Amino acid sequence: MARRRRIYEGKAKILYEGPEPGTLIQFFKDDATAFNAKKHDIIDGKGVLNNRISEFIFNHLNRIGIPTHFIKRLNMREQLIKEVEIIPLEVVVRNIAAGQLSKRLGLDEGTVLPRSIIEFYYKSDELDDPMVSEEHITAFGWASPQEIDDIMALAIRVNDFVSGLFLGAGIQLVDFKIECGRLIENDVMRIVVADEISPDSCRLWDLKTNEKLDKDRFRLDLGGMLEAYREVANRLGILNENEPPRGTGPVLVKSE
């Protein structure tokens, strides 16, 4: 079997050359990172759960007409996706105060915001992903004013739909991060949602108890990260009880 050509490797995923021109294979790793990889462990089975949860959400987005890079899931850890030109921005949508927003503005965690807030961060691990304004984005040519409008419109639509999706499962979507890319089809360029949407990129709280069901369990040393991700998958109806993720359970393997 021919060795696949690796296109890119990030903290949580690897991109390989796809079977057809204009496609890639996205592989979900078990690496858990926080604070731009300053904290790192391997959570056996995390990639399987993120793959399934992201597939579930992206399939729904495609069905309701929100354009994404997702084509189909190939196996337990891989997806077939459309090749896009990633815009070097992390787009964060906040519904409830938590994390950096609470620290920056002195808001109590859990404060419901007057309206959803969209923030932009420049994708650079070396610079710790600094927050940037629309002026920075256009001045440095990362995206045009029209592209910013398209990105914000996509972010709002994703927030509206995914908030309702999780609410139906008894989960609050506190905030989340998406990435967007430029997709060219039939000589027409459009902005689409790329990367993933999973507990790695969302803050998810139990609606009744506010228990954290996301990567904050790793960031804050709460433990039970895999159990929390599995709970999200079960509530969304993704996994059957007889279909555990391939892994030994919520065991942290310390990196050297």
Protein backbone atom coordinates (compact mmCIF):
# COMPACT_ATOMS: atom_id res chain seq x y z
CA MET A 1 0.00 0.00 0.00
CA ALA A 2 1.44 3.36 -1.02
CA ARG A 3 2.44 5.70 1.74
CA ARG A 4 0.15 8.71 1.94
CA ARG A 5 1.63 12.15 1.52
CA ARG A 6 1.33 14.25 4.65
CA ILE A 7 0.24 17.81 3.87
CA TYR A 8 0.10 19.34 7.35
CA GLU A 9 0.23 18.32 10.99
CA GLY A 10 -1.33 20.42 13.75
CA LYS A 11 -1.77 19.90 17.47
CA ALA A 12 -4.83 17.65 17.17
CA LYS A 13 -5.08 16.61 13.51
CA ILE A 14 -3.05 15.53 10.48
CA LEU A 15 -4.00 16.33 6.89
CA TYR A 16 -3.08 13.86 4.14
CA GLU A 17 -3.40 14.08 0.38
CA GLY A 18 -6.87 12.96 -0.66
CA PRO A 19 -7.88 10.33 -3.22
CA GLU A 20 -9.13 12.94 -5.70
CA PRO A 21 -7.84 16.40 -6.65
CA GLY A 22 -9.27 19.04 -4.34
CA THR A 23 -9.72 16.62 -1.45
CA LEU A 24 -7.81 15.88 1.75
CA ILE A 25 -8.03 13.26 4.47
CA GLN A 26 -8.27 14.70 7.99
CA PHE A 27 -6.95 12.39 10.72
CA PHE A 28 -7.93 13.01 14.36
CA LYS A 29 -5.11 12.45 16.85
CA ASP A 30 -5.39 11.56 20.54
CA ASP A 31 -3.18 14.49 21.55
CA ALA A 32 -4.68 16.84 24.13
CA THR A 33 -3.09 20.28 24.24
CA ALA A 34 -3.77 23.52 26.06
CA PHE A 35 -2.16 26.95 26.24
CA ASN A 36 -0.80 26.55 22.69
CA ALA A 37 0.69 23.12 23.40
CA LYS A 38 2.54 24.26 26.53
CA LYS A 39 0.48 21.53 28.22
CA HIS A 40 0.31 18.21 26.39
CA ASP A 41 -0.87 14.65 27.01
CA ILE A 42 -2.26 11.71 25.08
CA ILE A 43 -5.89 10.80 25.83
CA ASP A 44 -6.43 7.36 24.33
CA GLY A 45 -9.63 7.44 22.24
CA LYS A 46 -10.17 11.22 22.14
CA GLY A 47 -9.61 11.44 18.39
CA VAL A 48 -12.30 8.83 17.74
CA LEU A 49 -14.88 10.80 19.71
CA ASN A 50 -13.94 14.15 18.15
CA ASN A 51 -14.19 12.60 14.69
CA ARG A 52 -17.69 11.27 15.36
CA ILE A 53 -18.98 14.43 17.06
CA SER A 54 -17.55 16.74 14.39
CA GLU A 55 -18.98 14.51 11.64
CA PHE A 56 -22.42 14.67 13.28
CA ILE A 57 -22.39 18.47 13.53
CA PHE A 58 -20.92 19.11 10.06
CA ASN A 59 -23.45 16.77 8.46
CA HIS A 60 -26.23 18.81 10.06
CA LEU A 61 -24.65 22.09 8.92
CA ASN A 62 -24.39 20.81 5.34
CA ARG A 63 -28.04 19.70 5.39
CA ILE A 64 -29.33 23.12 6.44
CA GLY A 65 -27.26 24.92 3.82
CA ILE A 66 -24.30 26.15 5.88
CA PRO A 67 -21.29 25.48 3.62
CA THR A 68 -18.46 23.40 5.11
CA HIS A 69 -15.39 21.51 3.94
CA PHE A 70 -16.81 18.18 5.17
CA ILE A 71 -17.64 15.40 2.69
CA LYS A 72 -17.90 12.18 4.73
CA ARG A 73 -16.35 10.16 7.53
CA LEU A 74 -14.06 7.42 6.24
CA ASN A 75 -13.39 5.42 9.41
CA MET A 76 -13.06 5.81 13.17
CA ARG A 77 -10.37 8.50 12.91
CA GLU A 78 -10.53 9.99 9.42
CA GLN A 79 -12.74 12.27 7.35
CA LEU A 80 -12.72 13.10 3.67
CA ILE A 81 -12.81 16.88 3.30
CA LYS A 82 -12.59 19.48 0.55
CA GLU A 83 -9.25 21.22 0.24
CA VAL A 84 -9.61 24.88 1.18
CA GLU A 85 -7.30 27.83 1.70
CA ILE A 86 -7.48 28.37 5.45
CA ILE A 87 -7.89 31.98 6.53
CA PRO A 88 -5.37 32.53 9.37
CA LEU A 89 -7.99 33.48 11.95
CA GLU A 90 -9.68 31.75 14.84
CA VAL A 91 -13.28 32.94 15.02
CA VAL A 92 -14.64 32.73 18.57
CA VAL A 93 -18.34 33.10 19.34
CA ARG A 94 -19.21 33.72 23.00
CA ASN A 95 -22.67 33.31 24.54
CA ILE A 96 -21.74 33.08 28.22
CA ALA A 97 -18.75 34.59 30.03
CA ALA A 98 -15.95 32.09 30.63
CA GLY A 99 -12.24 31.67 30.11
CA GLN A 100 -10.30 34.65 28.79
CA LEU A 101 -13.38 36.85 28.47
CA SER A 102 -14.06 36.55 32.19
CA LYS A 103 -10.43 37.39 32.98
CA ARG A 104 -10.18 40.31 30.55
CA LEU A 105 -13.39 42.02 31.59
CA GLY A 106 -13.72 40.88 35.19
CA LEU A 107 -16.98 39.05 34.51
CA ASP A 108 -18.13 36.23 36.73
CA GLU A 109 -17.94 32.91 34.90
CA GLY A 110 -21.42 31.93 33.84
CA THR A 111 -22.68 35.48 33.23
CA VAL A 112 -25.06 35.39 30.26
CA LEU A 113 -23.91 37.98 27.73
CA PRO A 114 -26.35 40.65 26.46
CA ARG A 115 -25.87 39.17 22.99
CA SER A 116 -23.51 36.75 21.32
CA ILE A 117 -20.06 38.27 20.78
CA ILE A 118 -17.71 37.41 17.91
CA GLU A 119 -13.96 37.78 18.42
CA PHE A 120 -11.05 37.24 16.02
CA TYR A 121 -7.64 35.80 16.92
CA TYR A 122 -4.63 35.62 14.62
CA LYS A 123 -3.53 31.99 14.23
CA SER A 124 0.04 31.92 15.51
CA ASP A 125 1.25 29.54 18.22
CA GLU A 126 4.47 31.54 18.51
CA LEU A 127 2.48 34.67 19.40
CA ASP A 128 -0.10 32.79 21.52
CA ASP A 129 -2.91 33.56 19.04
CA PRO A 130 -3.32 37.30 19.78
CA MET A 131 -6.75 38.89 19.61
CA VAL A 132 -7.09 41.16 16.55
CA SER A 133 -9.61 43.64 15.21
CA GLU A 134 -11.22 43.91 11.79
CA GLU A 135 -8.76 46.74 11.10
CA HIS A 136 -5.82 44.39 11.65
CA ILE A 137 -7.41 41.73 9.47
CA THR A 138 -7.94 44.02 6.48
CA ALA A 139 -4.68 45.98 6.93
CA PHE A 140 -2.56 42.82 6.82
CA GLY A 141 -4.59 41.22 4.06
CA TRP A 142 -5.73 38.17 6.02
CA ALA A 143 -9.29 38.69 4.76
CA SER A 144 -11.23 41.34 2.85
CA PRO A 145 -14.12 43.34 4.34
CA GLN A 146 -16.58 41.20 2.36
CA GLU A 147 -14.93 38.01 3.61
CA ILE A 148 -15.17 39.27 7.20
CA ASP A 149 -18.88 39.86 6.68
CA ASP A 150 -19.25 36.35 5.25
CA ILE A 151 -17.30 34.83 8.15
CA MET A 152 -19.41 36.64 10.74
CA ALA A 153 -22.63 35.60 9.00
CA LEU A 154 -21.46 31.97 9.00
CA ALA A 155 -20.44 32.19 12.68
CA ILE A 156 -23.87 33.52 13.68
CA ARG A 157 -25.68 30.81 11.71
CA VAL A 158 -23.47 28.08 13.21
CA ASN A 159 -24.05 29.48 16.70
CA ASP A 160 -27.83 29.59 16.27
CA PHE A 161 -28.03 26.03 15.00
CA VAL A 162 -25.44 24.33 17.20
CA SER A 163 -26.74 26.09 20.35
CA GLY A 164 -30.15 24.55 19.66
CA LEU A 165 -28.64 21.18 18.84
CA PHE A 166 -26.82 21.02 22.17
CA LEU A 167 -29.73 22.53 24.10
CA GLY A 168 -31.86 19.61 22.96
CA ALA A 169 -29.26 17.33 24.57
CA GLY A 170 -29.30 19.23 27.86
CA ILE A 171 -26.03 21.06 27.12
CA GLN A 172 -25.25 24.79 27.04
CA LEU A 173 -22.98 26.03 24.26
CA VAL A 174 -20.96 28.56 26.27
CA ASP A 175 -18.58 29.50 23.47
CA PHE A 176 -16.83 27.89 20.52
CA LYS A 177 -14.10 28.40 17.93
CA ILE A 178 -14.33 27.82 14.21
CA GLU A 179 -11.95 28.29 11.34
CA CYS A 180 -12.98 29.27 7.83
CA GLY A 181 -11.46 28.69 4.43
CA ARG A 182 -11.75 29.78 0.82
CA LEU A 183 -13.23 27.08 -1.39
CA ILE A 184 -13.12 27.40 -5.17
CA GLU A 185 -15.71 25.38 -7.07
CA ASN A 186 -16.63 25.96 -10.72
CA ASP A 187 -14.44 29.09 -10.73
CA VAL A 188 -16.50 30.55 -7.87
CA MET A 189 -14.88 31.29 -4.51
CA ARG A 190 -16.89 31.13 -1.31
CA ILE A 191 -16.15 31.06 2.42
CA VAL A 192 -16.88 27.78 4.19
CA VAL A 193 -16.60 26.42 7.73
CA ALA A 194 -13.49 24.23 8.08
CA ASP A 195 -11.44 22.44 10.76
CA GLU A 196 -13.73 20.77 13.35
CA ILE A 197 -16.51 21.44 15.85
CA SER A 198 -16.09 19.20 18.88
CA PRO A 199 -15.55 19.38 22.64
CA ASP A 200 -11.95 20.37 21.78
CA SER A 201 -13.20 23.61 20.20
CA CYS A 202 -16.34 24.30 22.28
CA ARG A 203 -17.10 25.06 25.90
CA LEU A 204 -19.99 22.80 26.82
CA TRP A 205 -21.74 22.82 30.21
CA ASP A 206 -24.43 20.54 31.54
CA LEU A 207 -27.63 22.58 31.47
CA LYS A 208 -28.64 21.69 35.03
CA THR A 209 -25.36 21.34 36.91
CA ASN A 210 -22.92 23.47 34.83
CA GLU A 211 -20.55 20.50 34.83
CA LYS A 212 -17.86 21.04 32.20
CA LEU A 213 -18.05 18.59 29.30
CA ASP A 214 -15.18 19.94 27.18
CA LYS A 215 -11.43 20.51 27.01
CA ASP A 216 -11.54 22.62 30.19
CA ARG A 217 -11.43 19.28 32.00
CA PHE A 218 -7.88 18.98 30.67
CA ARG A 219 -6.95 22.68 30.92
CA LEU A 220 -8.05 22.87 34.56
CA ASP A 221 -6.84 19.38 35.62
CA LEU A 222 -10.38 18.23 36.42
CA GLY A 223 -9.85 14.74 35.00
CA GLY A 224 -12.40 12.60 33.20
CA MET A 225 -11.88 14.24 29.81
CA LEU A 226 -12.70 11.14 27.76
CA GLU A 227 -15.74 10.41 29.92
CA ALA A 228 -17.02 13.95 29.33
CA TYR A 229 -16.53 13.69 25.54
CA ARG A 230 -18.30 10.32 25.55
CA GLU A 231 -21.18 11.86 27.51
CA VAL A 232 -21.56 14.53 24.83
CA ALA A 233 -21.55 11.87 22.09
CA ASN A 234 -24.10 9.74 23.94
CA ARG A 235 -26.44 12.68 24.53
CA LEU A 236 -26.30 13.54 20.83
CA GLY A 237 -27.17 9.93 20.03
CA ILE A 238 -23.94 9.32 18.15
CA LEU A 239 -22.55 6.28 19.99
CA ASN A 240 -24.34 3.11 20.95
CA GLU A 241 -23.63 1.68 24.37
CA ASN A 242 -21.93 -1.29 22.66
CA GLU A 243 -19.68 0.95 20.57
CA PRO A 244 -16.98 2.37 22.84
CA PRO A 245 -14.22 4.53 21.39
CA ARG A 246 -11.03 2.65 20.75
CA GLY A 247 -9.04 3.37 23.83
CA THR A 248 -8.57 2.11 27.32
CA GLY A 249 -10.64 4.81 28.98
CA PRO A 250 -9.96 8.19 30.58
CA VAL A 251 -6.30 7.50 31.21
CA LEU A 252 -3.74 10.28 30.95
CA VAL A 253 -0.39 9.28 29.53
CA LYS A 254 2.16 11.86 30.63
CA SER A 255 4.49 13.17 27.97
CA GLU A 256 8.19 13.18 28.72
